[in-house]
Amino acid sequence: AVNEVRGAMEGLLEPITEERLLGVAEVRALFRSSRVGTIAG
């Protein structure tokens, strides 16, 4: 945290790959299928 803020202030911040969250889902139940494996509801 300290080095990144210092780097930003001094113009030395390296480009970073940003992970952008597109959605959130909560797994409520698991179903087993012999054809496709485990299905998450």
PDB file of all heavy atoms in Angstrom:
ATOM      1  N   ALA A   1       0.837  -1.206   0.000  1.00  0.00           N
ATOM      2  CA  ALA A   1       0.000   0.000   0.000  1.00  0.00           C
ATOM      3  C   ALA A   1       0.869   1.252   0.000  1.00  0.00           C
ATOM      4  O   ALA A   1       0.663   2.182  -0.792  1.00  0.00           O
ATOM      5  CB  ALA A   1      -0.918  -0.001   1.216  1.00  0.00           C
ATOM      6  N   VAL A   2       1.864   1.278   0.894  1.00  0.00           N
ATOM      7  CA  VAL A   2       2.731   2.458   1.021  1.00  0.00           C
ATOM      8  C   VAL A   2       3.507   2.685  -0.273  1.00  0.00           C
ATOM      9  O   VAL A   2       3.580   3.806  -0.789  1.00  0.00           O
ATOM     10  CB  VAL A   2       3.701   2.287   2.212  1.00  0.00           C
ATOM     11  CG1 VAL A   2       4.681   3.452   2.277  1.00  0.00           C
ATOM     12  CG2 VAL A   2       2.915   2.187   3.518  1.00  0.00           C
ATOM     13  N   ASN A   3       4.093   1.602  -0.827  1.00  0.00           N
ATOM     14  CA  ASN A   3       4.904   1.735  -2.045  1.00  0.00           C
ATOM     15  C   ASN A   3       4.068   2.165  -3.238  1.00  0.00           C
ATOM     16  O   ASN A   3       4.532   2.935  -4.089  1.00  0.00           O
ATOM     17  CB  ASN A   3       5.615   0.415  -2.358  1.00  0.00           C
ATOM     18  CG  ASN A   3       6.705   0.106  -1.340  1.00  0.00           C
ATOM     19  OD1 ASN A   3       7.226   1.012  -0.691  1.00  0.00           O
ATOM     20  ND2 ASN A   3       7.039  -1.161  -1.173  1.00  0.00           N
ATOM     21  N   GLU A   4       2.811   1.685  -3.304  1.00  0.00           N
ATOM     22  CA  GLU A   4       1.973   2.061  -4.443  1.00  0.00           C
ATOM     23  C   GLU A   4       1.570   3.535  -4.366  1.00  0.00           C
ATOM     24  O   GLU A   4       1.568   4.234  -5.378  1.00  0.00           O
ATOM     25  CB  GLU A   4       0.726   1.166  -4.506  1.00  0.00           C
ATOM     26  CG  GLU A   4      -0.011   1.309  -5.820  1.00  0.00           C
ATOM     27  CD  GLU A   4      -0.841   0.087  -6.180  1.00  0.00           C
ATOM     28  OE1 GLU A   4      -0.303  -1.038  -6.165  1.00  0.00           O
ATOM     29  OE2 GLU A   4      -2.028   0.279  -6.483  1.00  0.00           O
ATOM     30  N   VAL A   5       1.238   4.010  -3.166  1.00  0.00           N
ATOM     31  CA  VAL A   5       0.893   5.435  -3.017  1.00  0.00           C
ATOM     32  C   VAL A   5       2.120   6.299  -3.305  1.00  0.00           C
ATOM     33  O   VAL A   5       2.039   7.313  -3.996  1.00  0.00           O
ATOM     34  CB  VAL A   5       0.335   5.730  -1.608  1.00  0.00           C
ATOM     35  CG1 VAL A   5       0.118   7.230  -1.412  1.00  0.00           C
ATOM     36  CG2 VAL A   5      -0.983   4.991  -1.377  1.00  0.00           C
ATOM     37  N   ARG A   6       3.291   5.881  -2.782  1.00  0.00           N
ATOM     38  CA  ARG A   6       4.522   6.628  -3.044  1.00  0.00           C
ATOM     39  C   ARG A   6       4.828   6.653  -4.548  1.00  0.00           C
ATOM     40  O   ARG A   6       5.160   7.690  -5.122  1.00  0.00           O
ATOM     41  CB  ARG A   6       5.699   6.006  -2.290  1.00  0.00           C
ATOM     42  CG  ARG A   6       7.006   6.813  -2.486  1.00  0.00           C
ATOM     43  CD  ARG A   6       8.217   6.102  -1.938  1.00  0.00           C
ATOM     44  NE  ARG A   6       8.225   6.078  -0.484  1.00  0.00           N
ATOM     45  CZ  ARG A   6       8.172   4.985   0.256  1.00  0.00           C
ATOM     46  NH1 ARG A   6       8.090   3.789  -0.326  1.00  0.00           N
ATOM     47  NH2 ARG A   6       8.179   5.045   1.568  1.00  0.00           N
ATOM     48  N   GLY A   7       4.694   5.491  -5.185  1.00  0.00           N
ATOM     49  CA  GLY A   7       4.947   5.400  -6.631  1.00  0.00           C
ATOM     50  C   GLY A   7       4.017   6.288  -7.424  1.00  0.00           C
ATOM     51  O   GLY A   7       4.422   6.938  -8.390  1.00  0.00           O
ATOM     52  N   ALA A   8       2.733   6.335  -7.003  1.00  0.00           N
ATOM     53  CA  ALA A   8       1.768   7.185  -7.699  1.00  0.00           C
ATOM     54  C   ALA A   8       2.126   8.652  -7.548  1.00  0.00           C
ATOM     55  O   ALA A   8       2.024   9.439  -8.497  1.00  0.00           O
ATOM     56  CB  ALA A   8       0.369   6.930  -7.140  1.00  0.00           C
ATOM     57  N   MET A   9       2.600   9.042  -6.349  1.00  0.00           N
ATOM     58  CA  MET A   9       2.968  10.437  -6.097  1.00  0.00           C
ATOM     59  C   MET A   9       4.217  10.832  -6.889  1.00  0.00           C
ATOM     60  O   MET A   9       4.378  11.985  -7.277  1.00  0.00           O
ATOM     61  CB  MET A   9       3.199  10.661  -4.600  1.00  0.00           C
ATOM     62  CG  MET A   9       1.911  10.605  -3.786  1.00  0.00           C
ATOM     63  SD  MET A   9       2.200  10.548  -2.006  1.00  0.00           S
ATOM     64  CE  MET A   9       2.889  12.178  -1.711  1.00  0.00           C
ATOM     65  N   GLU A  10       5.099   9.868  -7.134  1.00  0.00           N
ATOM     66  CA  GLU A  10       6.359  10.164  -7.834  1.00  0.00           C
ATOM     67  C   GLU A  10       6.285   9.858  -9.321  1.00  0.00           C
ATOM     68  O   GLU A  10       7.262  10.021 -10.050  1.00  0.00           O
ATOM     69  CB  GLU A  10       7.496   9.356  -7.200  1.00  0.00           C
ATOM     70  CG  GLU A  10       7.791   9.770  -5.762  1.00  0.00           C
ATOM     71  CD  GLU A  10       8.782   8.839  -5.082  1.00  0.00           C
ATOM     72  OE1 GLU A  10       9.180   7.834  -5.719  1.00  0.00           O
ATOM     73  OE2 GLU A  10       9.159   9.113  -3.925  1.00  0.00           O
ATOM     74  N   GLY A  11       5.111   9.375  -9.794  1.00  0.00           N
ATOM     75  CA  GLY A  11       4.969   9.071 -11.215  1.00  0.00           C
ATOM     76  C   GLY A  11       5.649   7.783 -11.607  1.00  0.00           C
ATOM     77  O   GLY A  11       6.002   7.588 -12.779  1.00  0.00           O
ATOM     78  N   LEU A  12       5.889   6.875 -10.665  1.00  0.00           N
ATOM     79  CA  LEU A  12       6.616   5.631 -10.939  1.00  0.00           C
ATOM     80  C   LEU A  12       5.698   4.416 -10.870  1.00  0.00           C
ATOM     81  O   LEU A  12       6.172   3.288 -10.790  1.00  0.00           O
ATOM     82  CB  LEU A  12       7.753   5.460  -9.916  1.00  0.00           C
ATOM     83  CG  LEU A  12       8.749   6.619  -9.815  1.00  0.00           C
ATOM     84  CD1 LEU A  12       9.703   6.391  -8.651  1.00  0.00           C
ATOM     85  CD2 LEU A  12       9.532   6.748 -11.112  1.00  0.00           C
ATOM     86  N   LEU A  13       4.397   4.637 -10.888  1.00  0.00           N
ATOM     87  CA  LEU A  13       3.459   3.531 -10.735  1.00  0.00           C
ATOM     88  C   LEU A  13       3.468   2.655 -11.987  1.00  0.00           C
ATOM     89  O   LEU A  13       3.308   3.142 -13.105  1.00  0.00           O
ATOM     90  CB  LEU A  13       2.047   4.088 -10.506  1.00  0.00           C
ATOM     91  CG  LEU A  13       1.015   3.155  -9.908  1.00  0.00           C
ATOM     92  CD1 LEU A  13       1.442   2.716  -8.507  1.00  0.00           C
ATOM     93  CD2 LEU A  13      -0.334   3.822  -9.846  1.00  0.00           C
ATOM     94  N   GLU A  14       3.697   1.367 -11.779  1.00  0.00           N
ATOM     95  CA  GLU A  14       3.693   0.444 -12.912  1.00  0.00           C
ATOM     96  C   GLU A  14       2.254   0.133 -13.291  1.00  0.00           C
ATOM     97  O   GLU A  14       1.374   0.058 -12.436  1.00  0.00           O
ATOM     98  CB  GLU A  14       4.413  -0.862 -12.537  1.00  0.00           C
ATOM     99  CG  GLU A  14       5.906  -0.675 -12.325  1.00  0.00           C
ATOM    100  CD  GLU A  14       6.577  -1.979 -11.948  1.00  0.00           C
ATOM    101  OE1 GLU A  14       5.943  -3.040 -12.108  1.00  0.00           O
ATOM    102  OE2 GLU A  14       7.731  -1.929 -11.495  1.00  0.00           O
ATOM    103  N   PRO A  15       2.006  -0.080 -14.607  1.00  0.00           N
ATOM    104  CA  PRO A  15       0.634  -0.425 -15.005  1.00  0.00           C
ATOM    105  C   PRO A  15       0.213  -1.746 -14.369  1.00  0.00           C
ATOM    106  O   PRO A  15       1.019  -2.670 -14.279  1.00  0.00           O
ATOM    107  CB  PRO A  15       0.707  -0.551 -16.526  1.00  0.00           C
ATOM    108  CG  PRO A  15       2.127  -0.374 -16.913  1.00  0.00           C
ATOM    109  CD  PRO A  15       2.932  -0.018 -15.725  1.00  0.00           C
ATOM    110  N   ILE A  16      -1.022  -1.813 -13.906  1.00  0.00           N
ATOM    111  CA  ILE A  16      -1.496  -3.054 -13.283  1.00  0.00           C
ATOM    112  C   ILE A  16      -2.705  -3.572 -14.053  1.00  0.00           C
ATOM    113  O   ILE A  16      -3.433  -2.809 -14.688  1.00  0.00           O
ATOM    114  CB  ILE A  16      -1.875  -2.841 -11.793  1.00  0.00           C
ATOM    115  CG1 ILE A  16      -2.915  -1.716 -11.667  1.00  0.00           C
ATOM    116  CG2 ILE A  16      -0.673  -2.537 -10.946  1.00  0.00           C
ATOM    117  CD1 ILE A  16      -3.532  -1.632 -10.298  1.00  0.00           C
ATOM    118  N   THR A  17      -2.905  -4.874 -14.009  1.00  0.00           N
ATOM    119  CA  THR A  17      -4.072  -5.481 -14.638  1.00  0.00           C
ATOM    120  C   THR A  17      -5.227  -5.383 -13.649  1.00  0.00           C
ATOM    121  O   THR A  17      -5.123  -5.876 -12.532  1.00  0.00           O
ATOM    122  CB  THR A  17      -3.797  -6.958 -14.971  1.00  0.00           C
ATOM    123  OG1 THR A  17      -2.613  -7.025 -15.757  1.00  0.00           O
ATOM    124  CG2 THR A  17      -4.959  -7.558 -15.739  1.00  0.00           C
ATOM    125  N   GLU A  18      -6.286  -4.711 -14.072  1.00  0.00           N
ATOM    126  CA  GLU A  18      -7.412  -4.497 -13.172  1.00  0.00           C
ATOM    127  C   GLU A  18      -8.489  -5.538 -13.411  1.00  0.00           C
ATOM    128  O   GLU A  18      -8.906  -5.771 -14.541  1.00  0.00           O
ATOM    129  CB  GLU A  18      -7.984  -3.092 -13.403  1.00  0.00           C
ATOM    130  CG  GLU A  18      -9.077  -2.734 -12.420  1.00  0.00           C
ATOM    131  CD  GLU A  18      -9.678  -1.368 -12.726  1.00  0.00           C
ATOM    132  OE1 GLU A  18      -9.035  -0.360 -12.401  1.00  0.00           O
ATOM    133  OE2 GLU A  18     -10.773  -1.332 -13.290  1.00  0.00           O
ATOM    134  N   GLU A  19      -8.916  -6.186 -12.342  1.00  0.00           N
ATOM    135  CA  GLU A  19     -10.001  -7.158 -12.435  1.00  0.00           C
ATOM    136  C   GLU A  19     -11.314  -6.443 -12.187  1.00  0.00           C
ATOM    137  O   GLU A  19     -11.514  -5.847 -11.131  1.00  0.00           O
ATOM    138  CB  GLU A  19      -9.785  -8.248 -11.379  1.00  0.00           C
ATOM    139  CG  GLU A  19     -10.776  -9.379 -11.475  1.00  0.00           C
ATOM    140  CD  GLU A  19     -10.508 -10.442 -10.428  1.00  0.00           C
ATOM    141  OE1 GLU A  19      -9.444 -11.098 -10.490  1.00  0.00           O
ATOM    142  OE2 GLU A  19     -11.349 -10.583  -9.529  1.00  0.00           O
ATOM    143  N   ARG A  20     -12.198  -6.457 -13.177  1.00  0.00           N
ATOM    144  CA  ARG A  20     -13.462  -5.735 -13.048  1.00  0.00           C
ATOM    145  C   ARG A  20     -14.593  -6.712 -12.733  1.00  0.00           C
ATOM    146  O   ARG A  20     -14.810  -7.669 -13.470  1.00  0.00           O
ATOM    147  CB  ARG A  20     -13.756  -4.981 -14.346  1.00  0.00           C
ATOM    148  CG  ARG A  20     -15.002  -4.130 -14.259  1.00  0.00           C
ATOM    149  CD  ARG A  20     -14.978  -3.010 -15.244  1.00  0.00           C
ATOM    150  NE  ARG A  20     -13.903  -2.057 -14.965  1.00  0.00           N
ATOM    151  CZ  ARG A  20     -13.928  -0.798 -15.386  1.00  0.00           C
ATOM    152  NH1 ARG A  20     -14.934  -0.345 -16.063  1.00  0.00           N
ATOM    153  NH2 ARG A  20     -12.925   0.026 -15.121  1.00  0.00           N
ATOM    154  N   LEU A  21     -15.276  -6.478 -11.636  1.00  0.00           N
ATOM    155  CA  LEU A  21     -16.353  -7.353 -11.196  1.00  0.00           C
ATOM    156  C   LEU A  21     -17.595  -7.106 -12.045  1.00  0.00           C
ATOM    157  O   LEU A  21     -18.064  -5.975 -12.156  1.00  0.00           O
ATOM    158  CB  LEU A  21     -16.657  -7.060  -9.719  1.00  0.00           C
ATOM    159  CG  LEU A  21     -17.533  -8.059  -8.990  1.00  0.00           C
ATOM    160  CD1 LEU A  21     -16.779  -9.368  -8.792  1.00  0.00           C
ATOM    161  CD2 LEU A  21     -17.935  -7.501  -7.645  1.00  0.00           C
ATOM    162  N   LEU A  22     -18.114  -8.151 -12.674  1.00  0.00           N
ATOM    163  CA  LEU A  22     -19.285  -8.001 -13.539  1.00  0.00           C
ATOM    164  C   LEU A  22     -20.575  -8.442 -12.853  1.00  0.00           C
ATOM    165  O   LEU A  22     -21.653  -8.046 -13.246  1.00  0.00           O
ATOM    166  CB  LEU A  22     -19.093  -8.810 -14.830  1.00  0.00           C
ATOM    167  CG  LEU A  22     -17.903  -8.390 -15.704  1.00  0.00           C
ATOM    168  CD1 LEU A  22     -17.810  -9.281 -16.915  1.00  0.00           C
ATOM    169  CD2 LEU A  22     -18.038  -6.937 -16.136  1.00  0.00           C
ATOM    170  N   GLY A  23     -20.457  -9.295 -11.839  1.00  0.00           N
ATOM    171  CA  GLY A  23     -21.650  -9.750 -11.136  1.00  0.00           C
ATOM    172  C   GLY A  23     -21.282 -10.632  -9.956  1.00  0.00           C
ATOM    173  O   GLY A  23     -20.147 -11.099  -9.856  1.00  0.00           O
ATOM    174  N   VAL A  24     -22.249 -10.840  -9.073  1.00  0.00           N
ATOM    175  CA  VAL A  24     -22.024 -11.684  -7.897  1.00  0.00           C
ATOM    176  C   VAL A  24     -23.174 -12.669  -7.790  1.00  0.00           C
ATOM    177  O   VAL A  24     -24.334 -12.298  -7.971  1.00  0.00           O
ATOM    178  CB  VAL A  24     -21.961 -10.826  -6.603  1.00  0.00           C
ATOM    179  CG1 VAL A  24     -21.765 -11.720  -5.386  1.00  0.00           C
ATOM    180  CG2 VAL A  24     -20.834  -9.816  -6.684  1.00  0.00           C
ATOM    181  N   ALA A  25     -22.862 -13.951  -7.532  1.00  0.00           N
ATOM    182  CA  ALA A  25     -23.904 -14.966  -7.335  1.00  0.00           C
ATOM    183  C   ALA A  25     -23.565 -15.790  -6.108  1.00  0.00           C
ATOM    184  O   ALA A  25     -22.397 -16.067  -5.832  1.00  0.00           O
ATOM    185  CB  ALA A  25     -24.019 -15.847  -8.567  1.00  0.00           C
ATOM    186  N   GLU A  26     -24.614 -16.168  -5.362  1.00  0.00           N
ATOM    187  CA  GLU A  26     -24.420 -16.998  -4.180  1.00  0.00           C
ATOM    188  C   GLU A  26     -24.881 -18.421  -4.498  1.00  0.00           C
ATOM    189  O   GLU A  26     -26.001 -18.630  -4.988  1.00  0.00           O
ATOM    190  CB  GLU A  26     -25.257 -16.436  -3.021  1.00  0.00           C
ATOM    191  CG  GLU A  26     -25.097 -17.230  -1.733  1.00  0.00           C
ATOM    192  CD  GLU A  26     -26.069 -16.764  -0.656  1.00  0.00           C
ATOM    193  OE1 GLU A  26     -26.605 -15.638  -0.774  1.00  0.00           O
ATOM    194  OE2 GLU A  26     -26.293 -17.542   0.283  1.00  0.00           O
ATOM    195  N   VAL A  27     -23.992 -19.404  -4.239  1.00  0.00           N
ATOM    196  CA  VAL A  27     -24.351 -20.805  -4.489  1.00  0.00           C
ATOM    197  C   VAL A  27     -25.318 -21.264  -3.405  1.00  0.00           C
ATOM    198  O   VAL A  27     -24.984 -21.249  -2.223  1.00  0.00           O
ATOM    199  CB  VAL A  27     -23.087 -21.700  -4.518  1.00  0.00           C
ATOM    200  CG1 VAL A  27     -23.487 -23.169  -4.739  1.00  0.00           C
ATOM    201  CG2 VAL A  27     -22.124 -21.242  -5.601  1.00  0.00           C
ATOM    202  N   ARG A  28     -26.536 -21.666  -3.823  1.00  0.00           N
ATOM    203  CA  ARG A  28     -27.569 -22.075  -2.874  1.00  0.00           C
ATOM    204  C   ARG A  28     -27.646 -23.606  -2.720  1.00  0.00           C
ATOM    205  O   ARG A  28     -27.991 -24.127  -1.679  1.00  0.00           O
ATOM    206  CB  ARG A  28     -28.946 -21.544  -3.315  1.00  0.00           C
ATOM    207  CG  ARG A  28     -29.075 -20.016  -3.252  1.00  0.00           C
ATOM    208  CD  ARG A  28     -29.191 -19.538  -1.817  1.00  0.00           C
ATOM    209  NE  ARG A  28     -29.261 -18.094  -1.733  1.00  0.00           N
ATOM    210  CZ  ARG A  28     -30.412 -17.399  -1.789  1.00  0.00           C
ATOM    211  NH1 ARG A  28     -31.556 -18.019  -1.950  1.00  0.00           N
ATOM    212  NH2 ARG A  28     -30.384 -16.085  -1.684  1.00  0.00           N
ATOM    213  N   ALA A  29     -27.350 -24.321  -3.822  1.00  0.00           N
ATOM    214  CA  ALA A  29     -27.446 -25.784  -3.752  1.00  0.00           C
ATOM    215  C   ALA A  29     -26.588 -26.416  -4.847  1.00  0.00           C
ATOM    216  O   ALA A  29     -26.314 -25.774  -5.873  1.00  0.00           O
ATOM    217  CB  ALA A  29     -28.896 -26.221  -3.905  1.00  0.00           C
ATOM    218  N   LEU A  30     -26.125 -27.651  -4.620  1.00  0.00           N
ATOM    219  CA  LEU A  30     -25.336 -28.404  -5.604  1.00  0.00           C
ATOM    220  C   LEU A  30     -26.123 -29.620  -6.073  1.00  0.00           C
ATOM    221  O   LEU A  30     -26.771 -30.304  -5.282  1.00  0.00           O
ATOM    222  CB  LEU A  30     -24.006 -28.850  -4.992  1.00  0.00           C
ATOM    223  CG  LEU A  30     -23.024 -27.736  -4.587  1.00  0.00           C
ATOM    224  CD1 LEU A  30     -21.805 -28.340  -3.910  1.00  0.00           C
ATOM    225  CD2 LEU A  30     -22.593 -26.924  -5.800  1.00  0.00           C
ATOM    226  N   PHE A  31     -26.078 -29.878  -7.383  1.00  0.00           N
ATOM    227  CA  PHE A  31     -26.757 -31.045  -7.967  1.00  0.00           C
ATOM    228  C   PHE A  31     -25.729 -31.876  -8.726  1.00  0.00           C
ATOM    229  O   PHE A  31     -24.917 -31.327  -9.479  1.00  0.00           O
ATOM    230  CB  PHE A  31     -27.866 -30.594  -8.936  1.00  0.00           C
ATOM    231  CG  PHE A  31     -28.837 -29.616  -8.328  1.00  0.00           C
ATOM    232  CD1 PHE A  31     -28.638 -28.244  -8.455  1.00  0.00           C
ATOM    233  CD2 PHE A  31     -29.930 -30.060  -7.609  1.00  0.00           C
ATOM    234  CE1 PHE A  31     -29.520 -27.341  -7.884  1.00  0.00           C
ATOM    235  CE2 PHE A  31     -30.826 -29.165  -7.042  1.00  0.00           C
ATOM    236  CZ  PHE A  31     -30.620 -27.800  -7.173  1.00  0.00           C
ATOM    237  N   ARG A  32     -25.753 -33.188  -8.530  1.00  0.00           N
ATOM    238  CA  ARG A  32     -24.812 -34.078  -9.216  1.00  0.00           C
ATOM    239  C   ARG A  32     -25.452 -34.599 -10.503  1.00  0.00           C
ATOM    240  O   ARG A  32     -26.596 -35.038 -10.498  1.00  0.00           O
ATOM    241  CB  ARG A  32     -24.441 -35.277  -8.324  1.00  0.00           C
ATOM    242  CG  ARG A  32     -24.047 -34.904  -6.910  1.00  0.00           C
ATOM    243  CD  ARG A  32     -22.704 -34.199  -6.861  1.00  0.00           C
ATOM    244  NE  ARG A  32     -22.417 -33.735  -5.495  1.00  0.00           N
ATOM    245  CZ  ARG A  32     -21.391 -32.962  -5.188  1.00  0.00           C
ATOM    246  NH1 ARG A  32     -20.561 -32.566  -6.131  1.00  0.00           N
ATOM    247  NH2 ARG A  32     -21.194 -32.575  -3.945  1.00  0.00           N
ATOM    248  N   SER A  33     -24.687 -34.578 -11.584  1.00  0.00           N
ATOM    249  CA  SER A  33     -25.169 -35.092 -12.867  1.00  0.00           C
ATOM    250  C   SER A  33     -24.108 -36.028 -13.443  1.00  0.00           C
ATOM    251  O   SER A  33     -22.927 -35.669 -13.501  1.00  0.00           O
ATOM    252  CB  SER A  33     -25.439 -33.941 -13.836  1.00  0.00           C
ATOM    253  OG  SER A  33     -25.582 -34.434 -15.154  1.00  0.00           O
ATOM    254  N   SER A  34     -24.541 -37.221 -13.851  1.00  0.00           N
ATOM    255  CA  SER A  34     -23.564 -38.174 -14.398  1.00  0.00           C
ATOM    256  C   SER A  34     -23.009 -37.701 -15.735  1.00  0.00           C
ATOM    257  O   SER A  34     -21.895 -38.041 -16.123  1.00  0.00           O
ATOM    258  CB  SER A  34     -24.226 -39.551 -14.561  1.00  0.00           C
ATOM    259  OG  SER A  34     -25.383 -39.428 -15.373  1.00  0.00           O
ATOM    260  N   ARG A  35     -23.801 -36.862 -16.469  1.00  0.00           N
ATOM    261  CA  ARG A  35     -23.332 -36.411 -17.784  1.00  0.00           C
ATOM    262  C   ARG A  35     -22.403 -35.204 -17.698  1.00  0.00           C
ATOM    263  O   ARG A  35     -21.366 -35.173 -18.349  1.00  0.00           O
ATOM    264  CB  ARG A  35     -24.547 -36.048 -18.653  1.00  0.00           C
ATOM    265  CG  ARG A  35     -25.175 -37.262 -19.339  1.00  0.00           C
ATOM    266  CD  ARG A  35     -26.200 -36.824 -20.341  1.00  0.00           C
ATOM    267  NE  ARG A  35     -27.174 -35.892 -19.739  1.00  0.00           N
ATOM    268  CZ  ARG A  35     -27.900 -35.043 -20.438  1.00  0.00           C
ATOM    269  NH1 ARG A  35     -27.747 -34.942 -21.736  1.00  0.00           N
ATOM    270  NH2 ARG A  35     -28.765 -34.241 -19.833  1.00  0.00           N
ATOM    271  N   VAL A  36     -22.780 -34.177 -16.925  1.00  0.00           N
ATOM    272  CA  VAL A  36     -22.003 -32.926 -16.951  1.00  0.00           C
ATOM    273  C   VAL A  36     -21.237 -32.653 -15.653  1.00  0.00           C
ATOM    274  O   VAL A  36     -20.539 -31.653 -15.534  1.00  0.00           O
ATOM    275  CB  VAL A  36     -22.908 -31.710 -17.262  1.00  0.00           C
ATOM    276  CG1 VAL A  36     -23.482 -31.808 -18.664  1.00  0.00           C
ATOM    277  CG2 VAL A  36     -24.011 -31.555 -16.230  1.00  0.00           C
ATOM    278  N   GLY A  37     -21.352 -33.503 -14.656  1.00  0.00           N
ATOM    279  CA  GLY A  37     -20.648 -33.274 -13.405  1.00  0.00           C
ATOM    280  C   GLY A  37     -21.525 -32.542 -12.400  1.00  0.00           C
ATOM    281  O   GLY A  37     -22.733 -32.783 -12.332  1.00  0.00           O
ATOM    282  N   THR A  38     -20.921 -31.615 -11.638  1.00  0.00           N
ATOM    283  CA  THR A  38     -21.660 -30.923 -10.584  1.00  0.00           C
ATOM    284  C   THR A  38     -22.286 -29.629 -11.136  1.00  0.00           C
ATOM    285  O   THR A  38     -21.627 -28.847 -11.824  1.00  0.00           O
ATOM    286  CB  THR A  38     -20.726 -30.577  -9.409  1.00  0.00           C
ATOM    287  OG1 THR A  38     -20.102 -31.779  -8.977  1.00  0.00           O
ATOM    288  CG2 THR A  38     -21.498 -29.967  -8.249  1.00  0.00           C
ATOM    289  N   ILE A  39     -23.556 -29.424 -10.806  1.00  0.00           N
ATOM    290  CA  ILE A  39     -24.270 -28.206 -11.220  1.00  0.00           C
ATOM    291  C   ILE A  39     -24.511 -27.367  -9.971  1.00  0.00           C
ATOM    292  O   ILE A  39     -24.966 -27.877  -8.942  1.00  0.00           O
ATOM    293  CB  ILE A  39     -25.624 -28.553 -11.876  1.00  0.00           C
ATOM    294  CG1 ILE A  39     -25.399 -29.424 -13.129  1.00  0.00           C
ATOM    295  CG2 ILE A  39     -26.407 -27.288 -12.226  1.00  0.00           C
ATOM    296  CD1 ILE A  39     -26.655 -30.114 -13.626  1.00  0.00           C
ATOM    297  N   ALA A  40     -24.175 -26.082 -10.051  1.00  0.00           N
ATOM    298  CA  ALA A  40     -24.397 -25.160  -8.924  1.00  0.00           C
ATOM    299  C   ALA A  40     -25.662 -24.346  -9.184  1.00  0.00           C
ATOM    300  O   ALA A  40     -25.760 -23.664 -10.187  1.00  0.00           O
ATOM    301  CB  ALA A  40     -23.196 -24.235  -8.751  1.00  0.00           C
ATOM    302  N   GLY A  41     -26.596 -24.461  -8.251  1.00  0.00           N
ATOM    303  CA  GLY A  41     -27.791 -23.619  -8.306  1.00  0.00           C
ATOM    304  C   GLY A  41     -27.497 -22.301  -7.592  1.00  0.00           C
ATOM    305  O   GLY A  41     -27.175 -22.300  -6.409  1.00  0.00           O
TER     306      GLY A  41
END
